PDB file of N, CA and C in Angstrom:
ATOM      1  N   MET A   1     -80.207 -71.447 -20.846  1.00  0.00           N
ATOM      2  CA  MET A   1     -80.030 -72.847 -21.116  1.00  0.00           C
ATOM      3  C   MET A   1     -79.467 -73.536 -19.873  1.00  0.00           C
ATOM      4  N   LYS A   2     -80.105 -74.563 -19.438  1.00  0.00           N
ATOM      5  CA  LYS A   2     -79.679 -75.232 -18.216  1.00  0.00           C
ATOM      6  C   LYS A   2     -79.150 -76.625 -18.467  1.00  0.00           C
ATOM      7  N   LYS A   3     -79.512 -77.195 -19.628  1.00  0.00           N
ATOM      8  CA  LYS A   3     -79.081 -78.555 -19.959  1.00  0.00           C
ATOM      9  C   LYS A   3     -77.729 -78.526 -20.682  1.00  0.00           C
ATOM     10  N   PRO A   4     -76.906 -79.536 -20.430  1.00  0.00           N
ATOM     11  CA  PRO A   4     -75.657 -79.612 -21.149  1.00  0.00           C
ATOM     12  C   PRO A   4     -75.908 -79.763 -22.672  1.00  0.00           C
ATOM     13  N   ILE A   5     -74.951 -79.277 -23.450  1.00  0.00           N
ATOM     14  CA  ILE A   5     -75.019 -79.393 -24.905  1.00  0.00           C
ATOM     15  C   ILE A   5     -73.866 -80.287 -25.349  1.00  0.00           C
ATOM     16  N   LEU A   6     -74.170 -81.336 -26.076  1.00  0.00           N
ATOM     17  CA  LEU A   6     -73.128 -82.201 -26.659  1.00  0.00           C
ATOM     18  C   LEU A   6     -73.319 -82.203 -28.172  1.00  0.00           C
ATOM     19  N   LYS A   7     -72.283 -81.834 -28.875  1.00  0.00           N
ATOM     20  CA  LYS A   7     -72.281 -81.905 -30.333  1.00  0.00           C
ATOM     21  C   LYS A   7     -71.169 -82.869 -30.728  1.00  0.00           C
ATOM     22  N   ARG A   8     -71.523 -83.931 -31.401  1.00  0.00           N
ATOM     23  CA  ARG A   8     -70.547 -84.898 -31.873  1.00  0.00           C
ATOM     24  C   ARG A   8     -69.780 -84.365 -33.042  1.00  0.00           C
ATOM     25  N   LYS A   9     -68.671 -85.014 -33.336  1.00  0.00           N
ATOM     26  CA  LYS A   9     -67.889 -84.640 -34.516  1.00  0.00           C
ATOM     27  C   LYS A   9     -68.793 -84.607 -35.716  1.00  0.00           C
ATOM     28  N   GLY A  10     -68.719 -83.524 -36.468  1.00  0.00           N
ATOM     29  CA  GLY A  10     -69.541 -83.367 -37.663  1.00  0.00           C
ATOM     30  C   GLY A  10     -70.903 -82.768 -37.413  1.00  0.00           C
ATOM     31  N   GLN A  11     -71.327 -82.576 -36.192  1.00  0.00           N
ATOM     32  CA  GLN A  11     -72.610 -81.981 -35.862  1.00  0.00           C
ATOM     33  C   GLN A  11     -72.448 -80.486 -35.646  1.00  0.00           C
ATOM     34  N   TYR A  12     -73.265 -79.693 -36.323  1.00  0.00           N
ATOM     35  CA  TYR A  12     -73.214 -78.251 -36.216  1.00  0.00           C
ATOM     36  C   TYR A  12     -74.636 -77.704 -36.260  1.00  0.00           C
ATOM     37  N   GLN A  13     -74.827 -76.518 -35.645  1.00  0.00           N
ATOM     38  CA  GLN A  13     -76.135 -75.869 -35.636  1.00  0.00           C
ATOM     39  C   GLN A  13     -76.334 -75.035 -36.885  1.00  0.00           C
ATOM     40  N   ALA A  14     -75.247 -74.499 -37.430  1.00  0.00           N
ATOM     41  CA  ALA A  14     -75.349 -73.612 -38.575  1.00  0.00           C
ATOM     42  C   ALA A  14     -73.968 -73.497 -39.204  1.00  0.00           C
ATOM     43  N   ALA A  15     -73.918 -72.985 -40.434  1.00  0.00           N
ATOM     44  CA  ALA A  15     -72.654 -72.767 -41.129  1.00  0.00           C
ATOM     45  C   ALA A  15     -72.735 -71.483 -41.920  1.00  0.00           C
ATOM     46  N   ARG A  16     -71.538 -70.854 -42.068  1.00  0.00           N
ATOM     47  CA  ARG A  16     -71.422 -69.642 -42.933  1.00  0.00           C
ATOM     48  C   ARG A  16     -70.134 -69.803 -43.721  1.00  0.00           C
ATOM     49  N   LYS A  17     -70.272 -69.741 -45.032  1.00  0.00           N
ATOM     50  CA  LYS A  17     -69.113 -69.935 -45.927  1.00  0.00           C
ATOM     51  C   LYS A  17     -68.900 -68.673 -46.723  1.00  0.00           C
ATOM     52  N   VAL A  18     -67.649 -68.248 -46.762  1.00  0.00           N
ATOM     53  CA  VAL A  18     -67.195 -67.155 -47.645  1.00  0.00           C
ATOM     54  C   VAL A  18     -65.970 -67.697 -48.384  1.00  0.00           C
ATOM     55  N   PRO A  19     -65.597 -67.130 -49.490  1.00  0.00           N
ATOM     56  CA  PRO A  19     -64.477 -67.679 -50.246  1.00  0.00           C
ATOM     57  C   PRO A  19     -63.215 -67.913 -49.384  1.00  0.00           C
ATOM     58  N   GLY A  20     -62.803 -69.160 -49.333  1.00  0.00           N
ATOM     59  CA  GLY A  20     -61.590 -69.522 -48.604  1.00  0.00           C
ATOM     60  C   GLY A  20     -61.783 -69.703 -47.100  1.00  0.00           C
ATOM     61  N   LYS A  21     -62.991 -69.495 -46.614  1.00  0.00           N
ATOM     62  CA  LYS A  21     -63.229 -69.604 -45.151  1.00  0.00           C
ATOM     63  C   LYS A  21     -64.544 -70.288 -44.899  1.00  0.00           C
ATOM     64  N   LEU A  22     -64.606 -71.043 -43.806  1.00  0.00           N
ATOM     65  CA  LEU A  22     -65.845 -71.730 -43.401  1.00  0.00           C
ATOM     66  C   LEU A  22     -65.956 -71.618 -41.877  1.00  0.00           C
ATOM     67  N   PHE A  23     -67.131 -71.209 -41.398  1.00  0.00           N
ATOM     68  CA  PHE A  23     -67.406 -71.086 -39.997  1.00  0.00           C
ATOM     69  C   PHE A  23     -68.576 -72.016 -39.680  1.00  0.00           C
ATOM     70  N   ARG A  24     -68.408 -72.893 -38.716  1.00  0.00           N
ATOM     71  CA  ARG A  24     -69.480 -73.830 -38.358  1.00  0.00           C
ATOM     72  C   ARG A  24     -69.802 -73.649 -36.857  1.00  0.00           C
ATOM     73  N   LEU A  25     -71.009 -73.335 -36.566  1.00  0.00           N
ATOM     74  CA  LEU A  25     -71.466 -73.082 -35.193  1.00  0.00           C
ATOM     75  C   LEU A  25     -71.696 -74.426 -34.487  1.00  0.00           C
ATOM     76  N   LYS A  26     -70.896 -74.682 -33.434  1.00  0.00           N
ATOM     77  CA  LYS A  26     -71.045 -75.892 -32.648  1.00  0.00           C
ATOM     78  C   LYS A  26     -72.153 -75.738 -31.611  1.00  0.00           C
ATOM     79  N   PHE A  27     -72.172 -74.593 -30.921  1.00  0.00           N
ATOM     80  CA  PHE A  27     -73.211 -74.334 -29.921  1.00  0.00           C
ATOM     81  C   PHE A  27     -73.386 -72.849 -29.767  1.00  0.00           C
ATOM     82  N   LYS A  28     -74.575 -72.483 -29.296  1.00  0.00           N
ATOM     83  CA  LYS A  28     -74.861 -71.079 -28.982  1.00  0.00           C
ATOM     84  C   LYS A  28     -75.859 -71.055 -27.843  1.00  0.00           C
ATOM     85  N   THR A  29     -75.553 -70.252 -26.835  1.00  0.00           N
ATOM     86  CA  THR A  29     -76.487 -70.050 -25.725  1.00  0.00           C
ATOM     87  C   THR A  29     -76.686 -68.550 -25.617  1.00  0.00           C
ATOM     88  N   GLU A  30     -77.448 -68.103 -24.630  1.00  0.00           N
ATOM     89  CA  GLU A  30     -77.650 -66.670 -24.472  1.00  0.00           C
ATOM     90  C   GLU A  30     -76.385 -65.962 -24.032  1.00  0.00           C
ATOM     91  N   HIS A  31     -75.385 -66.730 -23.557  1.00  0.00           N
ATOM     92  CA  HIS A  31     -74.173 -66.121 -22.997  1.00  0.00           C
ATOM     93  C   HIS A  31     -72.905 -66.337 -23.837  1.00  0.00           C
ATOM     94  N   MET A  32     -72.842 -67.389 -24.653  1.00  0.00           N
ATOM     95  CA  MET A  32     -71.633 -67.655 -25.426  1.00  0.00           C
ATOM     96  C   MET A  32     -71.927 -68.498 -26.660  1.00  0.00           C
ATOM     97  N   GLU A  33     -70.932 -68.571 -27.530  1.00  0.00           N
ATOM     98  CA  GLU A  33     -71.041 -69.450 -28.708  1.00  0.00           C
ATOM     99  C   GLU A  33     -69.680 -70.083 -28.962  1.00  0.00           C
ATOM    100  N   GLY A  34     -69.725 -71.265 -29.562  1.00  0.00           N
ATOM    101  CA  GLY A  34     -68.509 -71.962 -29.955  1.00  0.00           C
ATOM    102  C   GLY A  34     -68.547 -72.197 -31.459  1.00  0.00           C
ATOM    103  N   VAL A  35     -67.476 -71.765 -32.146  1.00  0.00           N
ATOM    104  CA  VAL A  35     -67.421 -71.844 -33.587  1.00  0.00           C
ATOM    105  C   VAL A  35     -66.136 -72.561 -34.030  1.00  0.00           C
ATOM    106  N   VAL A  36     -66.228 -73.474 -34.990  1.00  0.00           N
ATOM    107  CA  VAL A  36     -65.081 -74.078 -35.623  1.00  0.00           C
ATOM    108  C   VAL A  36     -64.845 -73.310 -36.902  1.00  0.00           C
ATOM    109  N   ALA A  37     -63.657 -72.734 -37.053  1.00  0.00           N
ATOM    110  CA  ALA A  37     -63.335 -71.943 -38.237  1.00  0.00           C
ATOM    111  C   ALA A  37     -62.234 -72.616 -39.023  1.00  0.00           C
ATOM    112  N   THR A  38     -62.349 -72.644 -40.350  1.00  0.00           N
ATOM    113  CA  THR A  38     -61.262 -73.110 -41.207  1.00  0.00           C
ATOM    114  C   THR A  38     -60.906 -72.026 -42.189  1.00  0.00           C
ATOM    115  N   ILE A  39     -59.626 -71.860 -42.437  1.00  0.00           N
ATOM    116  CA  ILE A  39     -59.126 -70.847 -43.371  1.00  0.00           C
ATOM    117  C   ILE A  39     -58.155 -71.533 -44.328  1.00  0.00           C
ATOM    118  N   GLU A  40     -58.397 -71.370 -45.632  1.00  0.00           N
ATOM    119  CA  GLU A  40     -57.514 -71.931 -46.630  1.00  0.00           C
ATOM    120  C   GLU A  40     -56.155 -71.195 -46.656  1.00  0.00           C
ATOM    121  N   PRO A  41     -55.118 -71.830 -47.174  1.00  0.00           N
ATOM    122  CA  PRO A  41     -53.807 -71.168 -47.271  1.00  0.00           C
ATOM    123  C   PRO A  41     -53.897 -69.810 -47.973  1.00  0.00           C
ATOM    124  N   ASP A  42     -53.165 -68.863 -47.493  1.00  0.00           N
ATOM    125  CA  ASP A  42     -53.079 -67.489 -48.049  1.00  0.00           C
ATOM    126  C   ASP A  42     -54.364 -66.708 -47.949  1.00  0.00           C
ATOM    127  N   LYS A  43     -55.335 -67.165 -47.174  1.00  0.00           N
ATOM    128  CA  LYS A  43     -56.596 -66.398 -46.988  1.00  0.00           C
ATOM    129  C   LYS A  43     -56.522 -65.734 -45.594  1.00  0.00           C
ATOM    130  N   LYS A  44     -57.307 -64.633 -45.468  1.00  0.00           N
ATOM    131  CA  LYS A  44     -57.305 -63.968 -44.174  1.00  0.00           C
ATOM    132  C   LYS A  44     -58.709 -63.487 -43.847  1.00  0.00           C
ATOM    133  N   LEU A  45     -58.933 -63.253 -42.573  1.00  0.00           N
ATOM    134  CA  LEU A  45     -60.182 -62.658 -42.087  1.00  0.00           C
ATOM    135  C   LEU A  45     -59.852 -61.194 -41.825  1.00  0.00           C
ATOM    136  N   GLU A  46     -60.624 -60.352 -42.455  1.00  0.00           N
ATOM    137  CA  GLU A  46     -60.416 -58.901 -42.224  1.00  0.00           C
ATOM    138  C   GLU A  46     -60.595 -58.579 -40.763  1.00  0.00           C
ATOM    139  N   THR A  47     -59.908 -57.553 -40.277  1.00  0.00           N
ATOM    140  CA  THR A  47     -60.052 -57.188 -38.877  1.00  0.00           C
ATOM    141  C   THR A  47     -61.434 -56.580 -38.639  1.00  0.00           C
ATOM    142  N   TYR A  48     -61.964 -56.818 -37.471  1.00  0.00           N
ATOM    143  CA  TYR A  48     -63.242 -56.291 -37.099  1.00  0.00           C
ATOM    144  C   TYR A  48     -63.289 -56.120 -35.590  1.00  0.00           C
ATOM    145  N   ILE A  49     -64.286 -55.442 -35.082  1.00  0.00           N
ATOM    146  CA  ILE A  49     -64.489 -55.254 -33.652  1.00  0.00           C
ATOM    147  C   ILE A  49     -65.951 -55.517 -33.315  1.00  0.00           C
ATOM    148  N   HIS A  50     -66.152 -55.911 -32.083  1.00  0.00           N
ATOM    149  CA  HIS A  50     -67.512 -56.138 -31.561  1.00  0.00           C
ATOM    150  C   HIS A  50     -67.390 -56.243 -30.040  1.00  0.00           C
ATOM    151  N   GLU A  51     -68.470 -56.355 -29.363  1.00  0.00           N
ATOM    152  CA  GLU A  51     -68.408 -56.410 -27.901  1.00  0.00           C
ATOM    153  C   GLU A  51     -67.937 -57.772 -27.435  1.00  0.00           C
ATOM    154  N   GLY A  52     -67.392 -57.847 -26.216  1.00  0.00           N
ATOM    155  CA  GLY A  52     -67.127 -59.130 -25.581  1.00  0.00           C
ATOM    156  C   GLY A  52     -65.657 -59.555 -25.558  1.00  0.00           C
ATOM    157  N   GLU A  53     -65.477 -60.869 -25.431  1.00  0.00           N
ATOM    158  CA  GLU A  53     -64.174 -61.510 -25.330  1.00  0.00           C
ATOM    159  C   GLU A  53     -64.186 -62.784 -26.196  1.00  0.00           C
ATOM    160  N   GLU A  54     -62.995 -63.235 -26.582  1.00  0.00           N
ATOM    161  CA  GLU A  54     -62.871 -64.459 -27.371  1.00  0.00           C
ATOM    162  C   GLU A  54     -61.663 -65.253 -26.888  1.00  0.00           C
ATOM    163  N   VAL A  55     -61.746 -66.561 -27.042  1.00  0.00           N
ATOM    164  CA  VAL A  55     -60.593 -67.431 -26.853  1.00  0.00           C
ATOM    165  C   VAL A  55     -60.533 -68.344 -28.074  1.00  0.00           C
ATOM    166  N   HIS A  56     -59.324 -68.471 -28.636  1.00  0.00           N
ATOM    167  CA  HIS A  56     -59.099 -69.279 -29.824  1.00  0.00           C
ATOM    168  C   HIS A  56     -58.116 -70.390 -29.502  1.00  0.00           C
ATOM    169  N   ILE A  57     -58.426 -71.606 -29.945  1.00  0.00           N
ATOM    170  CA  ILE A  57     -57.541 -72.758 -29.769  1.00  0.00           C
ATOM    171  C   ILE A  57     -57.233 -73.290 -31.154  1.00  0.00           C
ATOM    172  N   LEU A  58     -55.940 -73.198 -31.558  1.00  0.00           N
ATOM    173  CA  LEU A  58     -55.584 -73.688 -32.889  1.00  0.00           C
ATOM    174  C   LEU A  58     -55.519 -75.193 -32.881  1.00  0.00           C
ATOM    175  N   LEU A  59     -56.267 -75.813 -33.774  1.00  0.00           N
ATOM    176  CA  LEU A  59     -56.315 -77.266 -33.876  1.00  0.00           C
ATOM    177  C   LEU A  59     -55.387 -77.812 -34.932  1.00  0.00           C
ATOM    178  N   GLU A  60     -55.324 -77.148 -36.104  1.00  0.00           N
ATOM    179  CA  GLU A  60     -54.521 -77.580 -37.213  1.00  0.00           C
ATOM    180  C   GLU A  60     -53.969 -76.401 -37.973  1.00  0.00           C
ATOM    181  N   GLY A  61     -52.801 -76.577 -38.549  1.00  0.00           N
ATOM    182  CA  GLY A  61     -52.215 -75.525 -39.405  1.00  0.00           C
ATOM    183  C   GLY A  61     -51.424 -74.508 -38.607  1.00  0.00           C
ATOM    184  N   ARG A  62     -51.319 -73.317 -39.226  1.00  0.00           N
ATOM    185  CA  ARG A  62     -50.535 -72.234 -38.643  1.00  0.00           C
ATOM    186  C   ARG A  62     -51.204 -70.915 -39.058  1.00  0.00           C
ATOM    187  N   ILE A  63     -51.524 -70.069 -38.081  1.00  0.00           N
ATOM    188  CA  ILE A  63     -52.149 -68.798 -38.384  1.00  0.00           C
ATOM    189  C   ILE A  63     -51.424 -67.662 -37.697  1.00  0.00           C
ATOM    190  N   GLU A  64     -51.588 -66.503 -38.293  1.00  0.00           N
ATOM    191  CA  GLU A  64     -51.129 -65.253 -37.720  1.00  0.00           C
ATOM    192  C   GLU A  64     -52.384 -64.539 -37.249  1.00  0.00           C
ATOM    193  N   TYR A  65     -52.418 -64.183 -35.992  1.00  0.00           N
ATOM    194  CA  TYR A  65     -53.623 -63.518 -35.448  1.00  0.00           C
ATOM    195  C   TYR A  65     -53.204 -62.145 -34.964  1.00  0.00           C
ATOM    196  N   VAL A  66     -53.901 -61.133 -35.484  1.00  0.00           N
ATOM    197  CA  VAL A  66     -53.597 -59.731 -35.162  1.00  0.00           C
ATOM    198  C   VAL A  66     -54.645 -59.243 -34.155  1.00  0.00           C
ATOM    199  N   VAL A  67     -54.206 -58.665 -33.068  1.00  0.00           N
ATOM    200  CA  VAL A  67     -55.097 -58.041 -32.081  1.00  0.00           C
ATOM    201  C   VAL A  67     -54.535 -56.651 -31.798  1.00  0.00           C
ATOM    202  N   GLY A  68     -55.230 -55.643 -32.297  1.00  0.00           N
ATOM    203  CA  GLY A  68     -54.724 -54.256 -32.156  1.00  0.00           C
ATOM    204  C   GLY A  68     -53.448 -54.151 -32.929  1.00  0.00           C
ATOM    205  N   ASP A  69     -52.375 -53.681 -32.258  1.00  0.00           N
ATOM    206  CA  ASP A  69     -51.101 -53.551 -32.944  1.00  0.00           C
ATOM    207  C   ASP A  69     -50.113 -54.682 -32.584  1.00  0.00           C
ATOM    208  N   GLU A  70     -50.678 -55.779 -32.045  1.00  0.00           N
ATOM    209  CA  GLU A  70     -49.854 -56.961 -31.719  1.00  0.00           C
ATOM    210  C   GLU A  70     -50.179 -58.085 -32.701  1.00  0.00           C
ATOM    211  N   THR A  71     -49.154 -58.870 -33.059  1.00  0.00           N
ATOM    212  CA  THR A  71     -49.294 -60.006 -33.959  1.00  0.00           C
ATOM    213  C   THR A  71     -48.793 -61.249 -33.273  1.00  0.00           C
ATOM    214  N   PHE A  72     -49.573 -62.324 -33.343  1.00  0.00           N
ATOM    215  CA  PHE A  72     -49.262 -63.584 -32.714  1.00  0.00           C
ATOM    216  C   PHE A  72     -49.250 -64.683 -33.770  1.00  0.00           C
ATOM    217  N   VAL A  73     -48.234 -65.568 -33.768  1.00  0.00           N
ATOM    218  CA  VAL A  73     -48.233 -66.716 -34.637  1.00  0.00           C
ATOM    219  C   VAL A  73     -48.659 -67.907 -33.792  1.00  0.00           C
ATOM    220  N   LEU A  74     -49.750 -68.565 -34.194  1.00  0.00           N
ATOM    221  CA  LEU A  74     -50.266 -69.705 -33.473  1.00  0.00           C
ATOM    222  C   LEU A  74     -49.953 -71.003 -34.169  1.00  0.00           C
ATOM    223  N   GLU A  75     -49.525 -71.960 -33.344  1.00  0.00           N
ATOM    224  CA  GLU A  75     -49.230 -73.347 -33.789  1.00  0.00           C
ATOM    225  C   GLU A  75     -50.287 -74.238 -33.119  1.00  0.00           C
ATOM    226  N   PRO A  76     -50.487 -75.475 -33.658  1.00  0.00           N
ATOM    227  CA  PRO A  76     -51.486 -76.356 -33.035  1.00  0.00           C
ATOM    228  C   PRO A  76     -51.286 -76.511 -31.535  1.00  0.00           C
ATOM    229  N   GLY A  77     -52.390 -76.361 -30.788  1.00  0.00           N
ATOM    230  CA  GLY A  77     -52.370 -76.445 -29.357  1.00  0.00           C
ATOM    231  C   GLY A  77     -52.265 -75.097 -28.636  1.00  0.00           C
ATOM    232  N   ASP A  78     -51.888 -74.052 -29.381  1.00  0.00           N
ATOM    233  CA  ASP A  78     -51.782 -72.702 -28.791  1.00  0.00           C
ATOM    234  C   ASP A  78     -53.191 -72.145 -28.518  1.00  0.00           C
ATOM    235  N   VAL A  79     -53.287 -71.341 -27.472  1.00  0.00           N
ATOM    236  CA  VAL A  79     -54.533 -70.702 -27.069  1.00  0.00           C
ATOM    237  C   VAL A  79     -54.302 -69.203 -26.977  1.00  0.00           C
ATOM    238  N   LEU A  80     -55.191 -68.413 -27.564  1.00  0.00           N
ATOM    239  CA  LEU A  80     -55.101 -66.970 -27.530  1.00  0.00           C
ATOM    240  C   LEU A  80     -56.413 -66.415 -27.008  1.00  0.00           C
ATOM    241  N   TRP A  81     -56.364 -65.516 -26.021  1.00  0.00           N
ATOM    242  CA  TRP A  81     -57.544 -64.803 -25.498  1.00  0.00           C
ATOM    243  C   TRP A  81     -57.342 -63.329 -25.849  1.00  0.00           C
ATOM    244  N   HIS A  82     -58.464 -62.632 -26.139  1.00  0.00           N
ATOM    245  CA  HIS A  82     -58.413 -61.185 -26.308  1.00  0.00           C
ATOM    246  C   HIS A  82     -59.790 -60.595 -26.137  1.00  0.00           C
ATOM    247  N   ARG A  83     -59.801 -59.320 -25.844  1.00  0.00           N
ATOM    248  CA  ARG A  83     -61.046 -58.538 -25.846  1.00  0.00           C
ATOM    249  C   ARG A  83     -61.473 -58.355 -27.288  1.00  0.00           C
ATOM    250  N   SER A  84     -62.772 -58.402 -27.533  1.00  0.00           N
ATOM    251  CA  SER A  84     -63.286 -58.280 -28.905  1.00  0.00           C
ATOM    252  C   SER A  84     -63.481 -56.849 -29.344  1.00  0.00           C
ATOM    253  N   ASP A  85     -63.370 -55.904 -28.431  1.00  0.00           N
ATOM    254  CA  ASP A  85     -63.523 -54.484 -28.812  1.00  0.00           C
ATOM    255  C   ASP A  85     -62.216 -53.878 -29.325  1.00  0.00           C
ATOM    256  N   VAL A  86     -61.213 -54.718 -29.525  1.00  0.00           N
ATOM    257  CA  VAL A  86     -59.965 -54.329 -30.125  1.00  0.00           C
ATOM    258  C   VAL A  86     -59.949 -54.930 -31.555  1.00  0.00           C
ATOM    259  N   PRO A  87     -59.550 -54.177 -32.577  1.00  0.00           N
ATOM    260  CA  PRO A  87     -59.559 -54.765 -33.945  1.00  0.00           C
ATOM    261  C   PRO A  87     -58.759 -56.062 -33.965  1.00  0.00           C
ATOM    262  N   HIS A  88     -59.365 -57.105 -34.565  1.00  0.00           N
ATOM    263  CA  HIS A  88     -58.707 -58.411 -34.592  1.00  0.00           C
ATOM    264  C   HIS A  88     -59.078 -59.197 -35.851  1.00  0.00           C
ATOM    265  N   GLY A  89     -58.168 -60.090 -36.249  1.00  0.00           N
ATOM    266  CA  GLY A  89     -58.407 -60.899 -37.424  1.00  0.00           C
ATOM    267  C   GLY A  89     -57.294 -61.918 -37.602  1.00  0.00           C
ATOM    268  N   ALA A  90     -57.504 -62.926 -38.434  1.00  0.00           N
ATOM    269  CA  ALA A  90     -56.555 -64.045 -38.603  1.00  0.00           C
ATOM    270  C   ALA A  90     -56.186 -64.172 -40.048  1.00  0.00           C
ATOM    271  N   ARG A  91     -54.986 -64.741 -40.279  1.00  0.00           N
ATOM    272  CA  ARG A  91     -54.499 -65.055 -41.622  1.00  0.00           C
ATOM    273  C   ARG A  91     -53.795 -66.392 -41.572  1.00  0.00           C
ATOM    274  N   ASN A  92     -54.093 -67.268 -42.552  1.00  0.00           N
ATOM    275  CA  ASN A  92     -53.445 -68.562 -42.624  1.00  0.00           C
ATOM    276  C   ASN A  92     -52.079 -68.330 -43.254  1.00  0.00           C
ATOM    277  N   ILE A  93     -51.010 -68.626 -42.522  1.00  0.00           N
ATOM    278  CA  ILE A  93     -49.664 -68.414 -43.013  1.00  0.00           C
ATOM    279  C   ILE A  93     -48.989 -69.760 -43.302  1.00  0.00           C
ATOM    280  N   GLY A  94     -49.752 -70.836 -43.268  1.00  0.00           N
ATOM    281  CA  GLY A  94     -49.216 -72.174 -43.562  1.00  0.00           C
ATOM    282  C   GLY A  94     -49.546 -72.614 -44.964  1.00  0.00           C
ATOM    283  N   ASN A  95     -49.138 -73.870 -45.282  1.00  0.00           N
ATOM    284  CA  ASN A  95     -49.378 -74.448 -46.602  1.00  0.00           C
ATOM    285  C   ASN A  95     -50.617 -75.329 -46.645  1.00  0.00           C
ATOM    286  N   THR A  96     -51.244 -75.539 -45.504  1.00  0.00           N
ATOM    287  CA  THR A  96     -52.446 -76.391 -45.399  1.00  0.00           C
ATOM    288  C   THR A  96     -53.585 -75.590 -44.772  1.00  0.00           C
ATOM    289  N   THR A  97     -54.788 -76.128 -44.851  1.00  0.00           N
ATOM    290  CA  THR A  97     -55.931 -75.471 -44.238  1.00  0.00           C
ATOM    291  C   THR A  97     -55.713 -75.381 -42.740  1.00  0.00           C
ATOM    292  N   ALA A  98     -55.968 -74.202 -42.178  1.00  0.00           N
ATOM    293  CA  ALA A  98     -55.873 -73.999 -40.748  1.00  0.00           C
ATOM    294  C   ALA A  98     -57.259 -74.168 -40.116  1.00  0.00           C
ATOM    295  N   LYS A  99     -57.319 -74.737 -38.933  1.00  0.00           N
ATOM    296  CA  LYS A  99     -58.584 -74.971 -38.239  1.00  0.00           C
ATOM    297  C   LYS A  99     -58.443 -74.591 -36.775  1.00  0.00           C
ATOM    298  N   TYR A 100     -59.383 -73.773 -36.296  1.00  0.00           N
ATOM    299  CA  TYR A 100     -59.360 -73.388 -34.902  1.00  0.00           C
ATOM    300  C   TYR A 100     -60.742 -73.316 -34.340  1.00  0.00           C
ATOM    301  N   PHE A 101     -60.808 -73.442 -33.010  1.00  0.00           N
ATOM    302  CA  PHE A 101     -62.070 -73.370 -32.253  1.00  0.00           C
ATOM    303  C   PHE A 101     -62.085 -72.079 -31.487  1.00  0.00           C
ATOM    304  N   THR A 102     -63.191 -71.335 -31.626  1.00  0.00           N
ATOM    305  CA  THR A 102     -63.348 -70.055 -30.937  1.00  0.00           C
ATOM    306  C   THR A 102     -64.562 -70.079 -30.039  1.00  0.00           C
ATOM    307  N   VAL A 103     -64.374 -69.585 -28.821  1.00  0.00           N
ATOM    308  CA  VAL A 103     -65.510 -69.366 -27.901  1.00  0.00           C
ATOM    309  C   VAL A 103     -65.618 -67.871 -27.737  1.00  0.00           C
ATOM    310  N   GLY A 104     -66.782 -67.342 -28.053  1.00  0.00           N
ATOM    311  CA  GLY A 104     -67.038 -65.906 -27.942  1.00  0.00           C
ATOM    312  C   GLY A 104     -68.124 -65.627 -26.913  1.00  0.00           C
ATOM    313  N   VAL A 105     -67.872 -64.563 -26.100  1.00  0.00           N
ATOM    314  CA  VAL A 105     -68.805 -64.156 -25.084  1.00  0.00           C
ATOM    315  C   VAL A 105     -68.994 -62.651 -25.230  1.00  0.00           C
ATOM    316  N   PRO A 106     -70.204 -62.116 -25.420  1.00  0.00           N
ATOM    317  CA  PRO A 106     -71.455 -62.812 -25.702  1.00  0.00           C
ATOM    318  C   PRO A 106     -71.473 -63.338 -27.117  1.00  0.00           C
ATOM    319  N   PRO A 107     -72.516 -64.077 -27.483  1.00  0.00           N
ATOM    320  CA  PRO A 107     -72.595 -64.675 -28.803  1.00  0.00           C
ATOM    321  C   PRO A 107     -73.009 -63.675 -29.869  1.00  0.00           C
ATOM    322  N   THR A 108     -72.007 -63.066 -30.528  1.00  0.00           N
ATOM    323  CA  THR A 108     -72.297 -62.022 -31.534  1.00  0.00           C
ATOM    324  C   THR A 108     -71.885 -62.387 -32.943  1.00  0.00           C
ATOM    325  N   PHE A 109     -71.176 -63.492 -33.125  1.00  0.00           N
ATOM    326  CA  PHE A 109     -70.643 -63.806 -34.465  1.00  0.00           C
ATOM    327  C   PHE A 109     -71.634 -64.495 -35.393  1.00  0.00           C
ATOM    328  N   MET A 110     -72.337 -65.512 -34.907  1.00  0.00           N
ATOM    329  CA  MET A 110     -73.251 -66.265 -35.760  1.00  0.00           C
ATOM    330  C   MET A 110     -74.651 -66.292 -35.169  1.00  0.00           C
TER     331      MET A 110
END
């Protein structure tokens, strides 16, 4: 892909919904993807592993993110990077819906 990609607020390429969680694909190229994830209070994403790297930017709410045997509490504006071949997953520890933006390299999630 050589042309810039602009997705306006509310524009997504695809979506995947599971109980208490919603993932919306903002962009995907051969090298990376950007996903907006929302997690309802008291819901969690099971840990998983895959190839690559990820960076997460918490936009709203409060989440606990586990990477291997380390646990991080993210507040709005916090940024977390990790290798994806380490077990990782998130849990909403707040009282409101949590929302974060993830960039994954390579694009393996959606």
